[in-house]
Amino acid sequence: MNRVSLKQLAYEKIKNLILENQICHDRQITELELNKTLQVGRAPIREALNLLSKDGLVQLIPNRGAFLRRFSPHDLIQIYQIREVLDPLAARQAIERAD
C-alpha cells in the first residue's frame, strides 16, 4: 500500500472506533495504542488524527496530545437540525437515481 492509502485506512479505522464508542472521552488518544490496535505505522496515524481534527471529531492540544472533541448540547441540537434537512434530501436523491 502507498502512504496515502495507509493514511486513509488509519482515518477510517479511527473514525469507526470513535463512532462505535470504543475510544473514551476522558483519555488521551495515543499513537502507540492506535499502532497496536490498527497495525499501522505512527506517521499514517498522526496524519489521520490531523484529518479527524479538521473534521471536528478530535481535538489536538499542543504538548498534551489528541482527545475526542466534546460536543455541547447546543452543538448536538444543531447537528440534528441539519440532519433533519439533509437526510430526507439524500433519501429522495437515492430513490431518483435507483434503477
PDB file of N, CA and C in Angstrom:
ATOM      1  N   MET A   1       0.841  -1.189   0.000  1.00  0.00           N
ATOM      2  CA  MET A   1       0.000   0.000   0.000  1.00  0.00           C
ATOM      3  C   MET A   1       0.877   1.241   0.000  1.00  0.00           C
ATOM      4  N   ASN A   2       0.394   2.285  -0.644  1.00  0.00           N
ATOM      5  CA  ASN A   2       1.157   3.526  -0.609  1.00  0.00           C
ATOM      6  C   ASN A   2       0.772   4.345   0.625  1.00  0.00           C
ATOM      7  N   ARG A   3       1.516   5.408   0.852  1.00  0.00           N
ATOM      8  CA  ARG A   3       1.351   6.224   2.058  1.00  0.00           C
ATOM      9  C   ARG A   3      -0.050   6.826   2.173  1.00  0.00           C
ATOM     10  N   VAL A   4      -0.601   7.279   1.075  1.00  0.00           N
ATOM     11  CA  VAL A   4      -1.933   7.888   1.102  1.00  0.00           C
ATOM     12  C   VAL A   4      -2.973   6.859   1.518  1.00  0.00           C
ATOM     13  N   SER A   5      -2.879   5.659   1.007  1.00  0.00           N
ATOM     14  CA  SER A   5      -3.880   4.658   1.357  1.00  0.00           C
ATOM     15  C   SER A   5      -3.748   4.225   2.809  1.00  0.00           C
ATOM     16  N   LEU A   6      -2.529   4.222   3.361  1.00  0.00           N
ATOM     17  CA  LEU A   6      -2.364   3.901   4.781  1.00  0.00           C
ATOM     18  C   LEU A   6      -2.988   4.998   5.644  1.00  0.00           C
ATOM     19  N   LYS A   7      -2.819   6.242   5.237  1.00  0.00           N
ATOM     20  CA  LYS A   7      -3.438   7.354   5.960  1.00  0.00           C
ATOM     21  C   LYS A   7      -4.951   7.216   5.917  1.00  0.00           C
ATOM     22  N   GLN A   8      -5.490   6.907   4.748  1.00  0.00           N
ATOM     23  CA  GLN A   8      -6.938   6.763   4.604  1.00  0.00           C
ATOM     24  C   GLN A   8      -7.443   5.570   5.415  1.00  0.00           C
ATOM     25  N   LEU A   9      -6.693   4.479   5.397  1.00  0.00           N
ATOM     26  CA  LEU A   9      -7.060   3.300   6.182  1.00  0.00           C
ATOM     27  C   LEU A   9      -7.092   3.642   7.669  1.00  0.00           C
ATOM     28  N   ALA A  10      -6.058   4.314   8.152  1.00  0.00           N
ATOM     29  CA  ALA A  10      -5.999   4.713   9.562  1.00  0.00           C
ATOM     30  C   ALA A  10      -7.151   5.655   9.894  1.00  0.00           C
ATOM     31  N   TYR A  11      -7.417   6.599   9.004  1.00  0.00           N
ATOM     32  CA  TYR A  11      -8.516   7.554   9.202  1.00  0.00           C
ATOM     33  C   TYR A  11      -9.851   6.827   9.375  1.00  0.00           C
ATOM     34  N   GLU A  12     -10.140   5.918   8.461  1.00  0.00           N
ATOM     35  CA  GLU A  12     -11.418   5.196   8.508  1.00  0.00           C
ATOM     36  C   GLU A  12     -11.523   4.340   9.765  1.00  0.00           C
ATOM     37  N   LYS A  13     -10.447   3.650  10.121  1.00  0.00           N
ATOM     38  CA  LYS A  13     -10.486   2.780  11.298  1.00  0.00           C
ATOM     39  C   LYS A  13     -10.637   3.580  12.585  1.00  0.00           C
ATOM     40  N   ILE A  14      -9.912   4.686  12.702  1.00  0.00           N
ATOM     41  CA  ILE A  14     -10.024   5.505  13.910  1.00  0.00           C
ATOM     42  C   ILE A  14     -11.413   6.134  13.987  1.00  0.00           C
ATOM     43  N   LYS A  15     -11.907   6.606  12.868  1.00  0.00           N
ATOM     44  CA  LYS A  15     -13.251   7.193  12.842  1.00  0.00           C
ATOM     45  C   LYS A  15     -14.292   6.167  13.283  1.00  0.00           C
ATOM     46  N   ASN A  16     -14.173   4.934  12.811  1.00  0.00           N
ATOM     47  CA  ASN A  16     -15.099   3.876  13.222  1.00  0.00           C
ATOM     48  C   ASN A  16     -14.993   3.597  14.713  1.00  0.00           C
ATOM     49  N   LEU A  17     -13.765   3.583  15.250  1.00  0.00           N
ATOM     50  CA  LEU A  17     -13.592   3.379  16.689  1.00  0.00           C
ATOM     51  C   LEU A  17     -14.291   4.486  17.477  1.00  0.00           C
ATOM     52  N   ILE A  18     -14.203   5.708  16.985  1.00  0.00           N
ATOM     53  CA  ILE A  18     -14.855   6.837  17.650  1.00  0.00           C
ATOM     54  C   ILE A  18     -16.372   6.679  17.581  1.00  0.00           C
ATOM     55  N   LEU A  19     -16.894   6.400  16.395  1.00  0.00           N
ATOM     56  CA  LEU A  19     -18.340   6.301  16.210  1.00  0.00           C
ATOM     57  C   LEU A  19     -18.945   5.112  16.938  1.00  0.00           C
ATOM     58  N   GLU A  20     -18.144   4.079  17.176  1.00  0.00           N
ATOM     59  CA  GLU A  20     -18.611   2.896  17.909  1.00  0.00           C
ATOM     60  C   GLU A  20     -18.320   3.004  19.412  1.00  0.00           C
ATOM     61  N   ASN A  21     -17.932   4.195  19.855  1.00  0.00           N
ATOM     62  CA  ASN A  21     -17.642   4.466  21.274  1.00  0.00           C
ATOM     63  C   ASN A  21     -16.575   3.537  21.851  1.00  0.00           C
ATOM     64  N   GLN A  22     -15.605   3.169  21.041  1.00  0.00           N
ATOM     65  CA  GLN A  22     -14.524   2.325  21.517  1.00  0.00           C
ATOM     66  C   GLN A  22     -13.313   3.146  21.959  1.00  0.00           C
ATOM     67  N   ILE A  23     -13.407   4.463  21.828  1.00  0.00           N
ATOM     68  CA  ILE A  23     -12.374   5.370  22.327  1.00  0.00           C
ATOM     69  C   ILE A  23     -13.033   6.244  23.383  1.00  0.00           C
ATOM     70  N   CYS A  24     -12.457   6.282  24.583  1.00  0.00           N
ATOM     71  CA  CYS A  24     -13.038   7.001  25.720  1.00  0.00           C
ATOM     72  C   CYS A  24     -12.799   8.500  25.613  1.00  0.00           C
ATOM     73  N   HIS A  25     -13.782   9.262  26.056  1.00  0.00           N
ATOM     74  CA  HIS A  25     -13.686  10.727  26.043  1.00  0.00           C
ATOM     75  C   HIS A  25     -12.680  11.261  27.052  1.00  0.00           C
ATOM     76  N   ASP A  26     -12.480  10.551  28.131  1.00  0.00           N
ATOM     77  CA  ASP A  26     -11.668  11.097  29.213  1.00  0.00           C
ATOM     78  C   ASP A  26     -10.197  10.696  29.143  1.00  0.00           C
ATOM     79  N   ARG A  27      -9.801   9.989  28.100  1.00  0.00           N
ATOM     80  CA  ARG A  27      -8.410   9.545  27.975  1.00  0.00           C
ATOM     81  C   ARG A  27      -7.782  10.099  26.709  1.00  0.00           C
ATOM     82  N   GLN A  28      -6.475  10.284  26.776  1.00  0.00           N
ATOM     83  CA  GLN A  28      -5.719  10.730  25.613  1.00  0.00           C
ATOM     84  C   GLN A  28      -5.725   9.620  24.559  1.00  0.00           C
ATOM     85  N   ILE A  29      -5.824  10.002  23.307  1.00  0.00           N
ATOM     86  CA  ILE A  29      -5.716   9.055  22.191  1.00  0.00           C
ATOM     87  C   ILE A  29      -4.238   8.996  21.833  1.00  0.00           C
ATOM     88  N   THR A  30      -3.600   7.881  22.110  1.00  0.00           N
ATOM     89  CA  THR A  30      -2.163   7.807  21.867  1.00  0.00           C
ATOM     90  C   THR A  30      -1.861   7.072  20.566  1.00  0.00           C
ATOM     91  N   GLU A  31      -0.822   7.542  19.904  1.00  0.00           N
ATOM     92  CA  GLU A  31      -0.384   6.895  18.666  1.00  0.00           C
ATOM     93  C   GLU A  31       0.051   5.465  18.937  1.00  0.00           C
ATOM     94  N   LEU A  32       0.672   5.219  20.078  1.00  0.00           N
ATOM     95  CA  LEU A  32       1.156   3.881  20.415  1.00  0.00           C
ATOM     96  C   LEU A  32      -0.001   2.892  20.540  1.00  0.00           C
ATOM     97  N   GLU A  33      -1.083   3.292  21.239  1.00  0.00           N
ATOM     98  CA  GLU A  33      -2.255   2.415  21.368  1.00  0.00           C
ATOM     99  C   GLU A  33      -2.876   2.141  20.000  1.00  0.00           C
ATOM    100  N   LEU A  34      -3.014   3.200  19.191  1.00  0.00           N
ATOM    101  CA  LEU A  34      -3.598   3.027  17.859  1.00  0.00           C
ATOM    102  C   LEU A  34      -2.700   2.162  16.983  1.00  0.00           C
ATOM    103  N   ASN A  35      -1.402   2.309  17.141  1.00  0.00           N
ATOM    104  CA  ASN A  35      -0.451   1.482  16.398  1.00  0.00           C
ATOM    105  C   ASN A  35      -0.668   0.013  16.705  1.00  0.00           C
ATOM    106  N   LYS A  36      -0.841  -0.315  17.984  1.00  0.00           N
ATOM    107  CA  LYS A  36      -1.070  -1.704  18.388  1.00  0.00           C
ATOM    108  C   LYS A  36      -2.421  -2.216  17.901  1.00  0.00           C
ATOM    109  N   THR A  37      -3.431  -1.367  17.993  1.00  0.00           N
ATOM    110  CA  THR A  37      -4.786  -1.770  17.609  1.00  0.00           C
ATOM    111  C   THR A  37      -4.938  -1.924  16.098  1.00  0.00           C
ATOM    112  N   LEU A  38      -4.407  -0.960  15.350  1.00  0.00           N
ATOM    113  CA  LEU A  38      -4.645  -0.914  13.907  1.00  0.00           C
ATOM    114  C   LEU A  38      -3.555  -1.583  13.080  1.00  0.00           C
ATOM    115  N   GLN A  39      -2.395  -1.820  13.690  1.00  0.00           N
ATOM    116  CA  GLN A  39      -1.259  -2.383  12.958  1.00  0.00           C
ATOM    117  C   GLN A  39      -0.866  -1.490  11.782  1.00  0.00           C
ATOM    118  N   VAL A  40      -0.852  -0.192  12.052  1.00  0.00           N
ATOM    119  CA  VAL A  40      -0.472   0.816  11.068  1.00  0.00           C
ATOM    120  C   VAL A  40       0.602   1.678  11.716  1.00  0.00           C
ATOM    121  N   GLY A  41       1.557   2.162  10.936  1.00  0.00           N
ATOM    122  CA  GLY A  41       2.647   2.968  11.453  1.00  0.00           C
ATOM    123  C   GLY A  41       2.194   4.276  12.078  1.00  0.00           C
ATOM    124  N   ARG A  42       3.101   4.908  12.805  1.00  0.00           N
ATOM    125  CA  ARG A  42       2.773   6.139  13.517  1.00  0.00           C
ATOM    126  C   ARG A  42       2.515   7.316  12.583  1.00  0.00           C
ATOM    127  N   ALA A  43       3.235   7.398  11.474  1.00  0.00           N
ATOM    128  CA  ALA A  43       3.038   8.526  10.555  1.00  0.00           C
ATOM    129  C   ALA A  43       1.621   8.553   9.974  1.00  0.00           C
ATOM    130  N   PRO A  44       1.100   7.441   9.446  1.00  0.00           N
ATOM    131  CA  PRO A  44      -0.287   7.471   8.951  1.00  0.00           C
ATOM    132  C   PRO A  44      -1.299   7.758  10.062  1.00  0.00           C
ATOM    133  N   ILE A  45      -1.010   7.289  11.279  1.00  0.00           N
ATOM    134  CA  ILE A  45      -1.910   7.559  12.400  1.00  0.00           C
ATOM    135  C   ILE A  45      -1.909   9.050  12.716  1.00  0.00           C
ATOM    136  N   ARG A  46      -0.743   9.650  12.744  1.00  0.00           N
ATOM    137  CA  ARG A  46      -0.628  11.087  13.009  1.00  0.00           C
ATOM    138  C   ARG A  46      -1.384  11.879  11.937  1.00  0.00           C
ATOM    139  N   GLU A  47      -1.218  11.485  10.681  1.00  0.00           N
ATOM    140  CA  GLU A  47      -1.908  12.172   9.585  1.00  0.00           C
ATOM    141  C   GLU A  47      -3.423  11.999   9.702  1.00  0.00           C
ATOM    142  N   ALA A  48      -3.859  10.796  10.080  1.00  0.00           N
ATOM    143  CA  ALA A  48      -5.288  10.536  10.245  1.00  0.00           C
ATOM    144  C   ALA A  48      -5.858  11.366  11.387  1.00  0.00           C
ATOM    145  N   LEU A  49      -5.121  11.495  12.489  1.00  0.00           N
ATOM    146  CA  LEU A  49      -5.583  12.324  13.601  1.00  0.00           C
ATOM    147  C   LEU A  49      -5.703  13.790  13.182  1.00  0.00           C
ATOM    148  N   ASN A  50      -4.788  14.237  12.337  1.00  0.00           N
ATOM    149  CA  ASN A  50      -4.891  15.609  11.822  1.00  0.00           C
ATOM    150  C   ASN A  50      -6.160  15.788  10.987  1.00  0.00           C
ATOM    151  N   LEU A  51      -6.481  14.793  10.149  1.00  0.00           N
ATOM    152  CA  LEU A  51      -7.714  14.863   9.352  1.00  0.00           C
ATOM    153  C   LEU A  51      -8.947  14.845  10.253  1.00  0.00           C
ATOM    154  N   LEU A  52      -8.926  13.992  11.282  1.00  0.00           N
ATOM    155  CA  LEU A  52     -10.053  13.910  12.200  1.00  0.00           C
ATOM    156  C   LEU A  52     -10.202  15.202  12.994  1.00  0.00           C
ATOM    157  N   SER A  53      -9.098  15.876  13.225  1.00  0.00           N
ATOM    158  CA  SER A  53      -9.140  17.182  13.879  1.00  0.00           C
ATOM    159  C   SER A  53      -9.820  18.200  12.968  1.00  0.00           C
ATOM    160  N   LYS A  54      -9.487  18.159  11.688  1.00  0.00           N
ATOM    161  CA  LYS A  54     -10.129  19.064  10.718  1.00  0.00           C
ATOM    162  C   LYS A  54     -11.618  18.775  10.589  1.00  0.00           C
ATOM    163  N   ASP A  55     -11.993  17.498  10.758  1.00  0.00           N
ATOM    164  CA  ASP A  55     -13.400  17.103  10.705  1.00  0.00           C
ATOM    165  C   ASP A  55     -14.155  17.505  11.969  1.00  0.00           C
ATOM    166  N   GLY A  56     -13.407  17.858  13.024  1.00  0.00           N
ATOM    167  CA  GLY A  56     -14.042  18.263  14.269  1.00  0.00           C
ATOM    168  C   GLY A  56     -14.306  17.135  15.242  1.00  0.00           C
ATOM    169  N   LEU A  57     -13.799  15.938  14.967  1.00  0.00           N
ATOM    170  CA  LEU A  57     -14.023  14.811  15.874  1.00  0.00           C
ATOM    171  C   LEU A  57     -12.949  14.698  16.951  1.00  0.00           C
ATOM    172  N   VAL A  58     -11.758  15.164  16.636  1.00  0.00           N
ATOM    173  CA  VAL A  58     -10.618  15.058  17.549  1.00  0.00           C
ATOM    174  C   VAL A  58     -10.082  16.453  17.808  1.00  0.00           C
ATOM    175  N   GLN A  59      -9.663  16.664  19.030  1.00  0.00           N
ATOM    176  CA  GLN A  59      -9.035  17.932  19.389  1.00  0.00           C
ATOM    177  C   GLN A  59      -7.562  17.666  19.676  1.00  0.00           C
ATOM    178  N   LEU A  60      -6.680  18.353  18.950  1.00  0.00           N
ATOM    179  CA  LEU A  60      -5.241  18.222  19.162  1.00  0.00           C
ATOM    180  C   LEU A  60      -4.795  19.361  20.058  1.00  0.00           C
ATOM    181  N   ILE A  61      -4.272  19.011  21.223  1.00  0.00           N
ATOM    182  CA  ILE A  61      -3.832  20.012  22.191  1.00  0.00           C
ATOM    183  C   ILE A  61      -2.303  19.963  22.254  1.00  0.00           C
ATOM    184  N   PRO A  62      -1.636  21.072  21.908  1.00  0.00           N
ATOM    185  CA  PRO A  62      -0.169  21.085  21.921  1.00  0.00           C
ATOM    186  C   PRO A  62       0.386  20.661  23.289  1.00  0.00           C
ATOM    187  N   ASN A  63       1.418  19.852  23.261  1.00  0.00           N
ATOM    188  CA  ASN A  63       2.111  19.340  24.446  1.00  0.00           C
ATOM    189  C   ASN A  63       1.255  18.433  25.322  1.00  0.00           C
ATOM    190  N   ARG A  64       0.048  18.089  24.881  1.00  0.00           N
ATOM    191  CA  ARG A  64      -0.813  17.177  25.649  1.00  0.00           C
ATOM    192  C   ARG A  64      -1.246  15.987  24.821  1.00  0.00           C
ATOM    193  N   GLY A  65      -1.540  16.187  23.544  1.00  0.00           N
ATOM    194  CA  GLY A  65      -1.933  15.076  22.687  1.00  0.00           C
ATOM    195  C   GLY A  65      -3.296  15.250  22.055  1.00  0.00           C
ATOM    196  N   ALA A  66      -3.853  14.123  21.619  1.00  0.00           N
ATOM    197  CA  ALA A  66      -5.142  14.098  20.927  1.00  0.00           C
ATOM    198  C   ALA A  66      -6.226  13.592  21.873  1.00  0.00           C
ATOM    199  N   PHE A  67      -7.389  14.238  21.800  1.00  0.00           N
ATOM    200  CA  PHE A  67      -8.527  13.865  22.624  1.00  0.00           C
ATOM    201  C   PHE A  67      -9.785  13.950  21.775  1.00  0.00           C
ATOM    202  N   LEU A  68     -10.808  13.169  22.135  1.00  0.00           N
ATOM    203  CA  LEU A  68     -12.084  13.298  21.449  1.00  0.00           C
ATOM    204  C   LEU A  68     -12.675  14.659  21.764  1.00  0.00           C
ATOM    205  N   ARG A  69     -13.284  15.247  20.774  1.00  0.00           N
ATOM    206  CA  ARG A  69     -13.938  16.539  20.986  1.00  0.00           C
ATOM    207  C   ARG A  69     -15.234  16.306  21.740  1.00  0.00           C
ATOM    208  N   ARG A  70     -15.469  17.150  22.700  1.00  0.00           N
ATOM    209  CA  ARG A  70     -16.732  17.093  23.443  1.00  0.00           C
ATOM    210  C   ARG A  70     -17.733  18.037  22.769  1.00  0.00           C
ATOM    211  N   PHE A  71     -18.932  17.517  22.561  1.00  0.00           N
ATOM    212  CA  PHE A  71     -19.985  18.315  21.941  1.00  0.00           C
ATOM    213  C   PHE A  71     -20.925  18.827  23.022  1.00  0.00           C
ATOM    214  N   SER A  72     -21.252  20.100  22.948  1.00  0.00           N
ATOM    215  CA  SER A  72     -22.199  20.691  23.894  1.00  0.00           C
ATOM    216  C   SER A  72     -23.616  20.320  23.457  1.00  0.00           C
ATOM    217  N   PRO A  73     -24.577  20.457  24.354  1.00  0.00           N
ATOM    218  CA  PRO A  73     -25.970  20.213  23.947  1.00  0.00           C
ATOM    219  C   PRO A  73     -26.372  21.090  22.756  1.00  0.00           C
ATOM    220  N   HIS A  74     -25.889  22.319  22.730  1.00  0.00           N
ATOM    221  CA  HIS A  74     -26.190  23.223  21.613  1.00  0.00           C
ATOM    222  C   HIS A  74     -25.624  22.671  20.297  1.00  0.00           C
ATOM    223  N   ASP A  75     -24.385  22.143  20.339  1.00  0.00           N
ATOM    224  CA  ASP A  75     -23.777  21.533  19.141  1.00  0.00           C
ATOM    225  C   ASP A  75     -24.634  20.382  18.632  1.00  0.00           C
ATOM    226  N   LEU A  76     -25.072  19.533  19.552  1.00  0.00           N
ATOM    227  CA  LEU A  76     -25.862  18.359  19.162  1.00  0.00           C
ATOM    228  C   LEU A  76     -27.199  18.761  18.557  1.00  0.00           C
ATOM    229  N   ILE A  77     -27.828  19.771  19.114  1.00  0.00           N
ATOM    230  CA  ILE A  77     -29.100  20.255  18.553  1.00  0.00           C
ATOM    231  C   ILE A  77     -28.885  20.743  17.123  1.00  0.00           C
ATOM    232  N   GLN A  78     -27.809  21.509  16.898  1.00  0.00           N
ATOM    233  CA  GLN A  78     -27.521  21.999  15.551  1.00  0.00           C
ATOM    234  C   GLN A  78     -27.244  20.853  14.577  1.00  0.00           C
ATOM    235  N   ILE A  79     -26.506  19.866  15.026  1.00  0.00           N
ATOM    236  CA  ILE A  79     -26.195  18.715  14.172  1.00  0.00           C
ATOM    237  C   ILE A  79     -27.480  18.019  13.742  1.00  0.00           C
ATOM    238  N   TYR A  80     -28.380  17.777  14.696  1.00  0.00           N
ATOM    239  CA  TYR A  80     -29.619  17.076  14.357  1.00  0.00           C
ATOM    240  C   TYR A  80     -30.559  17.937  13.524  1.00  0.00           C
ATOM    241  N   GLN A  81     -30.538  19.250  13.698  1.00  0.00           N
ATOM    242  CA  GLN A  81     -31.345  20.123  12.850  1.00  0.00           C
ATOM    243  C   GLN A  81     -30.866  20.055  11.399  1.00  0.00           C
ATOM    244  N   ILE A  82     -29.577  20.013  11.220  1.00  0.00           N
ATOM    245  CA  ILE A  82     -29.020  19.904   9.868  1.00  0.00           C
ATOM    246  C   ILE A  82     -29.372  18.551   9.264  1.00  0.00           C
ATOM    247  N   ARG A  83     -29.256  17.499  10.079  1.00  0.00           N
ATOM    248  CA  ARG A  83     -29.581  16.153   9.568  1.00  0.00           C
ATOM    249  C   ARG A  83     -31.057  16.029   9.210  1.00  0.00           C
ATOM    250  N   GLU A  84     -31.932  16.733   9.920  1.00  0.00           N
ATOM    251  CA  GLU A  84     -33.360  16.707   9.589  1.00  0.00           C
ATOM    252  C   GLU A  84     -33.608  17.166   8.162  1.00  0.00           C
ATOM    253  N   VAL A  85     -32.768  18.056   7.673  1.00  0.00           N
ATOM    254  CA  VAL A  85     -32.917  18.581   6.316  1.00  0.00           C
ATOM    255  C   VAL A  85     -32.174  17.686   5.317  1.00  0.00           C
ATOM    256  N   LEU A  86     -30.959  17.296   5.655  1.00  0.00           N
ATOM    257  CA  LEU A  86     -30.118  16.577   4.697  1.00  0.00           C
ATOM    258  C   LEU A  86     -30.522  15.121   4.488  1.00  0.00           C
ATOM    259  N   ASP A  87     -30.930  14.425   5.539  1.00  0.00           N
ATOM    260  CA  ASP A  87     -31.254  13.007   5.403  1.00  0.00           C
ATOM    261  C   ASP A  87     -32.413  12.746   4.436  1.00  0.00           C
ATOM    262  N   PRO A  88     -33.540  13.472   4.553  1.00  0.00           N
ATOM    263  CA  PRO A  88     -34.613  13.250   3.567  1.00  0.00           C
ATOM    264  C   PRO A  88     -34.182  13.611   2.142  1.00  0.00           C
ATOM    265  N   LEU A  89     -33.374  14.654   2.009  1.00  0.00           N
ATOM    266  CA  LEU A  89     -32.874  15.038   0.687  1.00  0.00           C
ATOM    267  C   LEU A  89     -32.023  13.921   0.097  1.00  0.00           C
ATOM    268  N   ALA A  90     -31.139  13.363   0.888  1.00  0.00           N
ATOM    269  CA  ALA A  90     -30.292  12.269   0.414  1.00  0.00           C
ATOM    270  C   ALA A  90     -31.134  11.051   0.037  1.00  0.00           C
ATOM    271  N   ALA A  91     -32.159  10.767   0.815  1.00  0.00           N
ATOM    272  CA  ALA A  91     -33.037   9.626   0.523  1.00  0.00           C
ATOM    273  C   ALA A  91     -33.787   9.848  -0.800  1.00  0.00           C
ATOM    274  N   ARG A  92     -34.311  11.067  -1.004  1.00  0.00           N
ATOM    275  CA  ARG A  92     -35.012  11.364  -2.260  1.00  0.00           C
ATOM    276  C   ARG A  92     -34.091  11.211  -3.460  1.00  0.00           C
ATOM    277  N   GLN A  93     -32.883  11.720  -3.338  1.00  0.00           N
ATOM    278  CA  GLN A  93     -31.930  11.609  -4.452  1.00  0.00           C
ATOM    279  C   GLN A  93     -31.544  10.167  -4.707  1.00  0.00           C
ATOM    280  N   ALA A  94     -31.397   9.376  -3.678  1.00  0.00           N
ATOM    281  CA  ALA A  94     -31.075   7.956  -3.860  1.00  0.00           C
ATOM    282  C   ALA A  94     -32.215   7.241  -4.586  1.00  0.00           C
ATOM    283  N   ILE A  95     -33.443   7.556  -4.210  1.00  0.00           N
ATOM    284  CA  ILE A  95     -34.605   6.939  -4.860  1.00  0.00           C
ATOM    285  C   ILE A  95     -34.670   7.345  -6.323  1.00  0.00           C
ATOM    286  N   GLU A  96     -34.421   8.610  -6.630  1.00  0.00           N
ATOM    287  CA  GLU A  96     -34.478   9.083  -8.006  1.00  0.00           C
ATOM    288  C   GLU A  96     -33.419   8.432  -8.884  1.00  0.00           C
ATOM    289  N   ARG A  97     -32.276   8.093  -8.305  1.00  0.00           N
ATOM    290  CA  ARG A  97     -31.172   7.515  -9.071  1.00  0.00           C
ATOM    291  C   ARG A  97     -31.165   5.998  -9.078  1.00  0.00           C
ATOM    292  N   ALA A  98     -32.046   5.389  -8.321  1.00  0.00           N
ATOM    293  CA  ALA A  98     -32.099   3.929  -8.269  1.00  0.00           C
ATOM    294  C   ALA A  98     -32.608   3.380  -9.596  1.00  0.00           C
ATOM    295  N   ASP A  99     -32.099   2.222  -9.957  1.00  0.00           N
ATOM    296  CA  ASP A  99     -32.535   1.588 -11.212  1.00  0.00           C
ATOM    297  C   ASP A  99     -33.822   0.821 -11.017  1.00  0.00           C
TER     298      ASP A  99
END
